[in-house]
Amino acid sequence: MEDRMTGRDRPVEPQPSGFYRFNEEAEEVPADNPMLNFFVPLMLSMTLNNPKSYWNMTYTQQMDTFQQLLKDRDPAGEEPILDSLFVWYGNECVAVSLMLIKQLIGISNQSSILDLGTGNGHFCEALSTIGFEKITGSDFSESAIELAKSIQQSHAESMHHISYIEDDILQSSFSDDRFEVIYDKGTLDSIAMVSSNLVPDEIPEEKGEPPAVETYREEVIRILKPGGYLIVVSCNHTKDELLDLFVKQTGGAMMMQHEVDVFTDLRILCFQKQIRDNNLMID
């Protein structure tokens, strides 16, 4: 993995074991088509024209799987349950993301981190495993939050640093300047696809509202602390599109700090919210 900002390779290393552990041979994302498991359900969601209902159904099914895994689990076994649940974009992306967050300037284990679109809470547990202590997972799907909380309750000792909250980033209830790191693995992609002409009835600008991706950007910037970081994992946007959305269109309120290519069509971009002092930007 190469960090485009430093030009150095980023090795992918296994992390400490626990309730969650990295499985280098996990098959959640096929090596020959890493985007398949992301786009197929999204396209079904777009076809159904009810994205929230789709995600609720998806995580209700995962809840059924989780309950069965609990029932069948060998008390003496070591296989973590989260390894058996779906991981968006795969474990390699998770490993690279964790290493990136650990290396961010000014970020410590006491920094407040939001996993935006947390799903089953997989990334929150990974953050907890490597020592972060102020973790929030949010999702607009009530079924996702119910699943994440159920997993947390079944392993309270390893996940007590995590809070799960049902929240829609397009109308977020989070206060201003709340988080030092916001991590988004696929949420922006999903919002952009819903807002595209794949689902004409859902296009917000045709209803006199701002495009959803712009609302997303403004809300993310609002709840991110000055000097804080936004990490976007995307397979649906090019680097130039993300730079346009977060840097050019904000007048430099956000600046890109890191870029990592995970797969051919999957990239991680890290932006930093600039600090204002007397209406001047300070890097």
Foldseek 3Di string as FASTA:
>chain_A
DAKPQVRDDDDQDWADDDLDTADPPQPLAPPVGRCVNPVVLLLVCLVVLHNLVSLLVVLVVVLVVLVVCVVPPDPPDRDRPVSVDHDRSGRSVLRVVLVVQVPDPPDDLAFAEEEEQCQQVNSLLVSLRRRRQHYEYEHQHPSRLVNNVVSCVVPVVSRVSYHYDYADLLDGPAAFQAGQEYEYECPLVSLVVSCDPSRVVSNVVVVVDPGSSLSNQVSVNGRHHQFGKYKYKDLRDDPVRVCCNNAVVVVRQKDWDIKDDSDPRIIIIMIGGFDDDPNDTDD
